[in-house]
């Protein structure tokens, strides 16, 4: 099934490694082009498990109702990424039916030939409503729900997707921590995971 447009808002970080897109009328081909906009040699050495541990360490090292020391992952800053809005039921990891077209458009982009063989992080973020540790778990479950939906029914290879929950540790608008703009999903191109031989056979990139 082909979904050609994202109805939910989408934008791309404006750093050198990303391309700015309008938050409306973004189709899967534009998304694929944006995610493939920067070539990268090698693989990302930072793992999802390490990112999740850094989140928990940040909460332990800087306790409080709000993160006083926002997390930074310099290794991700040079990678192509887009930010999308996927809506969930309140305090739930159930994707709203209205957001399945968004998830379908992401899947279409990941099936694009430009992104063949690349790996992606699906990073979930929340606002500050609720405790910080709880929000980490909620964002992890939501990121995993998106990953699961991309795999079934949309047929994305599970080996190229890894889900990570950031909770509220990277607020997009720290001055308004409960704002909806803080609830978002990042899709980050982490480099080639699979390479292809001359006859089309697939293998894990060295």
C-alpha atoms as a PDB file:
ATOM      1  CA  UNK A   1       0.000   0.000   0.000  1.00  0.00           C
ATOM      2  CA  UNK A   2       1.369   3.388  -1.034  1.00  0.00           C
ATOM      3  CA  UNK A   3       0.849   6.499   1.099  1.00  0.00           C
ATOM      4  CA  UNK A   4       1.975   9.621  -0.711  1.00  0.00           C
ATOM      5  CA  UNK A   5       1.603  12.397   1.834  1.00  0.00           C
ATOM      6  CA  UNK A   6       2.188  12.967   5.500  1.00  0.00           C
ATOM      7  CA  UNK A   7      -0.780  14.666   7.102  1.00  0.00           C
ATOM      8  CA  UNK A   8       0.918  15.204  10.425  1.00  0.00           C
ATOM      9  CA  UNK A   9       3.490  17.965  10.788  1.00  0.00           C
ATOM     10  CA  UNK A  10       7.053  17.129   9.752  1.00  0.00           C
ATOM     11  CA  UNK A  11      10.249  19.068   9.717  1.00  0.00           C
ATOM     12  CA  UNK A  12      13.918  18.455   9.249  1.00  0.00           C
ATOM     13  CA  UNK A  13      16.637  19.947  11.458  1.00  0.00           C
ATOM     14  CA  UNK A  14      18.361  22.859   9.757  1.00  0.00           C
ATOM     15  CA  UNK A  15      21.926  21.859  10.606  1.00  0.00           C
ATOM     16  CA  UNK A  16      24.437  21.212   7.858  1.00  0.00           C
ATOM     17  CA  UNK A  17      23.595  17.533   7.874  1.00  0.00           C
ATOM     18  CA  UNK A  18      19.851  18.099   7.385  1.00  0.00           C
ATOM     19  CA  UNK A  19      17.586  19.741   4.898  1.00  0.00           C
ATOM     20  CA  UNK A  20      14.767  22.071   5.921  1.00  0.00           C
ATOM     21  CA  UNK A  21      11.304  20.995   4.836  1.00  0.00           C
ATOM     22  CA  UNK A  22       7.985  22.754   5.209  1.00  0.00           C
ATOM     23  CA  UNK A  23       5.629  21.204   7.736  1.00  0.00           C
ATOM     24  CA  UNK A  24       2.941  20.535   5.165  1.00  0.00           C
ATOM     25  CA  UNK A  25       2.562  18.551   1.970  1.00  0.00           C
ATOM     26  CA  UNK A  26       5.649  16.429   2.600  1.00  0.00           C
ATOM     27  CA  UNK A  27       5.518  13.258   0.571  1.00  0.00           C
ATOM     28  CA  UNK A  28       7.513  10.090   1.025  1.00  0.00           C
ATOM     29  CA  UNK A  29       9.829  10.824  -1.915  1.00  0.00           C
ATOM     30  CA  UNK A  30      10.795  14.179  -0.401  1.00  0.00           C
ATOM     31  CA  UNK A  31      11.323  12.484   2.939  1.00  0.00           C
ATOM     32  CA  UNK A  32      13.557   9.835   1.363  1.00  0.00           C
ATOM     33  CA  UNK A  33      15.573  12.482  -0.464  1.00  0.00           C
ATOM     34  CA  UNK A  34      16.047  14.398   2.782  1.00  0.00           C
ATOM     35  CA  UNK A  35      17.127  11.315   4.722  1.00  0.00           C
ATOM     36  CA  UNK A  36      19.613  10.451   1.985  1.00  0.00           C
ATOM     37  CA  UNK A  37      20.832  14.023   1.659  1.00  0.00           C
ATOM     38  CA  UNK A  38      24.166  13.483   3.369  1.00  0.00           C
ATOM     39  CA  UNK A  39      26.380  10.528   2.600  1.00  0.00           C
ATOM     40  CA  UNK A  40      28.299   9.071   5.511  1.00  0.00           C
ATOM     41  CA  UNK A  41      31.204   6.663   5.584  1.00  0.00           C
ATOM     42  CA  UNK A  42      31.218   3.846   8.085  1.00  0.00           C
ATOM     43  CA  UNK A  43      28.658   3.161  10.791  1.00  0.00           C
ATOM     44  CA  UNK A  44      27.497   4.965  13.894  1.00  0.00           C
ATOM     45  CA  UNK A  45      29.462   3.534  16.813  1.00  0.00           C
ATOM     46  CA  UNK A  46      26.936   4.744  19.395  1.00  0.00           C
ATOM     47  CA  UNK A  47      24.348   2.050  20.128  1.00  0.00           C
ATOM     48  CA  UNK A  48      20.747   2.382  21.161  1.00  0.00           C
ATOM     49  CA  UNK A  49      21.578   0.648  24.446  1.00  0.00           C
ATOM     50  CA  UNK A  50      24.240   3.257  25.168  1.00  0.00           C
ATOM     51  CA  UNK A  51      21.786   6.051  24.437  1.00  0.00           C
ATOM     52  CA  UNK A  52      19.190   4.537  26.746  1.00  0.00           C
ATOM     53  CA  UNK A  53      21.783   4.223  29.510  1.00  0.00           C
ATOM     54  CA  UNK A  54      22.828   7.856  29.003  1.00  0.00           C
ATOM     55  CA  UNK A  55      19.199   8.887  29.506  1.00  0.00           C
ATOM     56  CA  UNK A  56      18.964   6.989  32.797  1.00  0.00           C
ATOM     57  CA  UNK A  57      22.333   8.351  33.915  1.00  0.00           C
ATOM     58  CA  UNK A  58      21.149  11.895  33.190  1.00  0.00           C
ATOM     59  CA  UNK A  59      18.119  11.438  35.426  1.00  0.00           C
ATOM     60  CA  UNK A  60      20.256   9.974  38.214  1.00  0.00           C
ATOM     61  CA  UNK A  61      23.025  12.575  37.947  1.00  0.00           C
ATOM     62  CA  UNK A  62      20.725  15.597  37.552  1.00  0.00           C
ATOM     63  CA  UNK A  63      17.591  14.857  39.581  1.00  0.00           C
ATOM     64  CA  UNK A  64      14.590  17.147  39.617  1.00  0.00           C
ATOM     65  CA  UNK A  65      11.185  17.627  38.081  1.00  0.00           C
ATOM     66  CA  UNK A  66      12.762  18.913  34.853  1.00  0.00           C
ATOM     67  CA  UNK A  67      16.098  18.036  33.224  1.00  0.00           C
ATOM     68  CA  UNK A  68      18.588  20.710  34.223  1.00  0.00           C
ATOM     69  CA  UNK A  69      21.247  19.220  31.968  1.00  0.00           C
ATOM     70  CA  UNK A  70      19.750  18.407  28.537  1.00  0.00           C
ATOM     71  CA  UNK A  71      21.360  15.426  26.867  1.00  0.00           C
ATOM     72  CA  UNK A  72      23.547  15.871  23.830  1.00  0.00           C
ATOM     73  CA  UNK A  73      24.732  13.193  21.426  1.00  0.00           C
ATOM     74  CA  UNK A  74      27.351  14.861  19.190  1.00  0.00           C
ATOM     75  CA  UNK A  75      27.613  11.707  17.069  1.00  0.00           C
ATOM     76  CA  UNK A  76      24.027  12.211  15.920  1.00  0.00           C
ATOM     77  CA  UNK A  77      24.356  15.886  15.081  1.00  0.00           C
ATOM     78  CA  UNK A  78      26.073  15.248  11.753  1.00  0.00           C
ATOM     79  CA  UNK A  79      23.547  12.669  10.591  1.00  0.00           C
ATOM     80  CA  UNK A  80      20.582  13.205   8.316  1.00  0.00           C
ATOM     81  CA  UNK A  81      17.334  13.153  10.243  1.00  0.00           C
ATOM     82  CA  UNK A  82      13.719  14.210  10.132  1.00  0.00           C
ATOM     83  CA  UNK A  83      11.271  14.981  12.915  1.00  0.00           C
ATOM     84  CA  UNK A  84       7.664  13.854  12.630  1.00  0.00           C
ATOM     85  CA  UNK A  85       4.588  14.008  14.802  1.00  0.00           C
ATOM     86  CA  UNK A  86       2.852  10.721  15.513  1.00  0.00           C
ATOM     87  CA  UNK A  87      -0.162  10.957  17.814  1.00  0.00           C
ATOM     88  CA  UNK A  88      -0.873   8.428  20.562  1.00  0.00           C
ATOM     89  CA  UNK A  89      -3.756   7.904  22.932  1.00  0.00           C
ATOM     90  CA  UNK A  90      -3.177   9.763  26.203  1.00  0.00           C
ATOM     91  CA  UNK A  91      -0.589   8.095  28.434  1.00  0.00           C
ATOM     92  CA  UNK A  92      -0.490   5.190  25.984  1.00  0.00           C
ATOM     93  CA  UNK A  93       1.699   3.612  23.329  1.00  0.00           C
ATOM     94  CA  UNK A  94      -1.295   2.977  21.050  1.00  0.00           C
ATOM     95  CA  UNK A  95      -0.867   4.911  17.796  1.00  0.00           C
ATOM     96  CA  UNK A  96      -3.967   6.853  16.862  1.00  0.00           C
ATOM     97  CA  UNK A  97      -5.609   5.734  13.632  1.00  0.00           C
ATOM     98  CA  UNK A  98      -5.232   9.277  12.301  1.00  0.00           C
ATOM     99  CA  UNK A  99      -1.429   8.866  12.422  1.00  0.00           C
ATOM    100  CA  UNK A 100      -1.205   5.627  10.455  1.00  0.00           C
ATOM    101  CA  UNK A 101      -0.928   7.580   7.232  1.00  0.00           C
ATOM    102  CA  UNK A 102       2.127   9.284   8.707  1.00  0.00           C
ATOM    103  CA  UNK A 103       3.625   5.916   9.634  1.00  0.00           C
ATOM    104  CA  UNK A 104       2.803   4.643   6.140  1.00  0.00           C
ATOM    105  CA  UNK A 105       4.565   7.600   4.555  1.00  0.00           C
ATOM    106  CA  UNK A 106       7.652   6.922   6.684  1.00  0.00           C
ATOM    107  CA  UNK A 107       7.556   3.304   5.523  1.00  0.00           C
ATOM    108  CA  UNK A 108       7.279   4.403   1.886  1.00  0.00           C
ATOM    109  CA  UNK A 109      10.352   6.573   2.374  1.00  0.00           C
ATOM    110  CA  UNK A 110      12.311   3.717   3.937  1.00  0.00           C
ATOM    111  CA  UNK A 111      11.414   1.483   0.982  1.00  0.00           C
ATOM    112  CA  UNK A 112      12.780   4.092  -1.453  1.00  0.00           C
ATOM    113  CA  UNK A 113      15.834   2.942  -3.469  1.00  0.00           C
ATOM    114  CA  UNK A 114      17.807   5.919  -2.122  1.00  0.00           C
ATOM    115  CA  UNK A 115      17.653   4.418   1.376  1.00  0.00           C
ATOM    116  CA  UNK A 116      18.199   0.783   0.463  1.00  0.00           C
ATOM    117  CA  UNK A 117      20.443  -0.891   3.039  1.00  0.00           C
ATOM    118  CA  UNK A 118      20.583   2.047   5.465  1.00  0.00           C
ATOM    119  CA  UNK A 119      19.855   1.748   9.192  1.00  0.00           C
ATOM    120  CA  UNK A 120      17.671   4.096  11.231  1.00  0.00           C
ATOM    121  CA  UNK A 121      17.091   5.096  14.817  1.00  0.00           C
ATOM    122  CA  UNK A 122      13.463   5.735  15.798  1.00  0.00           C
ATOM    123  CA  UNK A 123      13.811   8.135  18.750  1.00  0.00           C
ATOM    124  CA  UNK A 124      10.767   9.030  20.845  1.00  0.00           C
ATOM    125  CA  UNK A 125      10.410  12.212  22.915  1.00  0.00           C
ATOM    126  CA  UNK A 126       7.735  13.328  25.391  1.00  0.00           C
ATOM    127  CA  UNK A 127       6.769  16.586  27.065  1.00  0.00           C
ATOM    128  CA  UNK A 128       7.304  17.043  30.819  1.00  0.00           C
ATOM    129  CA  UNK A 129       3.874  15.863  31.967  1.00  0.00           C
ATOM    130  CA  UNK A 130       4.579  12.962  34.321  1.00  0.00           C
ATOM    131  CA  UNK A 131       7.771  11.871  36.039  1.00  0.00           C
ATOM    132  CA  UNK A 132      11.032  11.836  34.116  1.00  0.00           C
ATOM    133  CA  UNK A 133      11.734   8.128  34.611  1.00  0.00           C
ATOM    134  CA  UNK A 134       8.163   7.266  33.658  1.00  0.00           C
ATOM    135  CA  UNK A 135       8.408   9.382  30.521  1.00  0.00           C
ATOM    136  CA  UNK A 136      11.533   7.525  29.439  1.00  0.00           C
ATOM    137  CA  UNK A 137       9.597   4.259  29.576  1.00  0.00           C
ATOM    138  CA  UNK A 138       6.599   5.772  27.802  1.00  0.00           C
ATOM    139  CA  UNK A 139       8.725   7.209  25.010  1.00  0.00           C
ATOM    140  CA  UNK A 140      10.544   3.872  24.618  1.00  0.00           C
ATOM    141  CA  UNK A 141       7.241   2.027  24.274  1.00  0.00           C
ATOM    142  CA  UNK A 142       6.011   4.577  21.752  1.00  0.00           C
ATOM    143  CA  UNK A 143       9.190   4.373  19.688  1.00  0.00           C
ATOM    144  CA  UNK A 144       8.881   0.592  19.729  1.00  0.00           C
ATOM    145  CA  UNK A 145       5.224   0.858  18.668  1.00  0.00           C
ATOM    146  CA  UNK A 146       6.251   2.901  15.636  1.00  0.00           C
ATOM    147  CA  UNK A 147       9.028   0.437  14.832  1.00  0.00           C
ATOM    148  CA  UNK A 148       6.557  -2.439  15.114  1.00  0.00           C
ATOM    149  CA  UNK A 149       4.045  -0.702  12.838  1.00  0.00           C
ATOM    150  CA  UNK A 150       6.739   0.029  10.244  1.00  0.00           C
ATOM    151  CA  UNK A 151       7.566  -3.679  10.212  1.00  0.00           C
ATOM    152  CA  UNK A 152       3.964  -4.926  10.221  1.00  0.00           C
ATOM    153  CA  UNK A 153       1.896  -4.021   8.282  1.00  0.00           C
ATOM    154  CA  UNK A 154       4.272  -1.815   6.258  1.00  0.00           C
ATOM    155  CA  UNK A 155       7.007  -4.361   5.602  1.00  0.00           C
ATOM    156  CA  UNK A 156      10.161  -2.481   6.636  1.00  0.00           C
ATOM    157  CA  UNK A 157      13.107  -4.783   7.391  1.00  0.00           C
ATOM    158  CA  UNK A 158      13.310  -5.053  11.218  1.00  0.00           C
ATOM    159  CA  UNK A 159      17.097  -5.321  11.016  1.00  0.00           C
ATOM    160  CA  UNK A 160      17.404  -1.677   9.907  1.00  0.00           C
ATOM    161  CA  UNK A 161      15.327  -0.180  12.740  1.00  0.00           C
ATOM    162  CA  UNK A 162      16.209   0.471  16.390  1.00  0.00           C
ATOM    163  CA  UNK A 163      13.890   2.198  18.860  1.00  0.00           C
ATOM    164  CA  UNK A 164      15.151   4.548  21.579  1.00  0.00           C
ATOM    165  CA  UNK A 165      13.142   6.525  24.143  1.00  0.00           C
ATOM    166  CA  UNK A 166      14.466   9.902  25.320  1.00  0.00           C
ATOM    167  CA  UNK A 167      11.542  10.859  27.533  1.00  0.00           C
ATOM    168  CA  UNK A 168      11.759  14.582  28.315  1.00  0.00           C
ATOM    169  CA  UNK A 169      15.567  14.662  28.444  1.00  0.00           C
ATOM    170  CA  UNK A 170      15.834  16.594  25.148  1.00  0.00           C
ATOM    171  CA  UNK A 171      13.007  19.103  25.322  1.00  0.00           C
ATOM    172  CA  UNK A 172      12.600  20.982  22.077  1.00  0.00           C
ATOM    173  CA  UNK A 173      11.142  23.997  23.888  1.00  0.00           C
ATOM    174  CA  UNK A 174      12.588  24.015  27.431  1.00  0.00           C
ATOM    175  CA  UNK A 175      10.824  27.298  28.201  1.00  0.00           C
ATOM    176  CA  UNK A 176       7.485  25.530  27.684  1.00  0.00           C
ATOM    177  CA  UNK A 177       8.171  21.955  28.816  1.00  0.00           C
ATOM    178  CA  UNK A 178       4.536  20.813  28.629  1.00  0.00           C
ATOM    179  CA  UNK A 179       4.089  22.103  25.066  1.00  0.00           C
ATOM    180  CA  UNK A 180       3.066  19.647  22.385  1.00  0.00           C
ATOM    181  CA  UNK A 181       6.096  20.570  20.287  1.00  0.00           C
ATOM    182  CA  UNK A 182       8.183  18.506  22.696  1.00  0.00           C
ATOM    183  CA  UNK A 183       6.226  15.362  21.746  1.00  0.00           C
ATOM    184  CA  UNK A 184       7.926  14.154  18.596  1.00  0.00           C
ATOM    185  CA  UNK A 185       9.721  11.318  16.875  1.00  0.00           C
ATOM    186  CA  UNK A 186      13.149  11.583  15.250  1.00  0.00           C
ATOM    187  CA  UNK A 187      14.108   9.301  12.408  1.00  0.00           C
ATOM    188  CA  UNK A 188      17.907   9.287  12.079  1.00  0.00           C
ATOM    189  CA  UNK A 189      19.893   7.745   9.219  1.00  0.00           C
ATOM    190  CA  UNK A 190      22.824   6.020  10.952  1.00  0.00           C
ATOM    191  CA  UNK A 191      24.601   4.807   7.811  1.00  0.00           C
ATOM    192  CA  UNK A 192      24.803   1.660   5.744  1.00  0.00           C
ATOM    193  CA  UNK A 193      23.928  -1.592   7.490  1.00  0.00           C
ATOM    194  CA  UNK A 194      23.638  -3.798   4.424  1.00  0.00           C
ATOM    195  CA  UNK A 195      25.703  -3.804   1.242  1.00  0.00           C
ATOM    196  CA  UNK A 196      24.952  -5.462  -2.072  1.00  0.00           C
ATOM    197  CA  UNK A 197      27.139  -7.517  -4.369  1.00  0.00           C
ATOM    198  CA  UNK A 198      27.302  -7.328  -8.154  1.00  0.00           C
ATOM    199  CA  UNK A 199      24.658  -9.983  -8.559  1.00  0.00           C
ATOM    200  CA  UNK A 200      22.369  -8.280  -6.037  1.00  0.00           C
ATOM    201  CA  UNK A 201      23.110 -10.458  -3.010  1.00  0.00           C
ATOM    202  CA  UNK A 202      22.813  -8.686   0.337  1.00  0.00           C
ATOM    203  CA  UNK A 203      25.356  -8.876   3.161  1.00  0.00           C
ATOM    204  CA  UNK A 204      26.184  -6.979   6.343  1.00  0.00           C
ATOM    205  CA  UNK A 205      28.516  -4.108   5.474  1.00  0.00           C
ATOM    206  CA  UNK A 206      32.074  -4.593   6.802  1.00  0.00           C
END
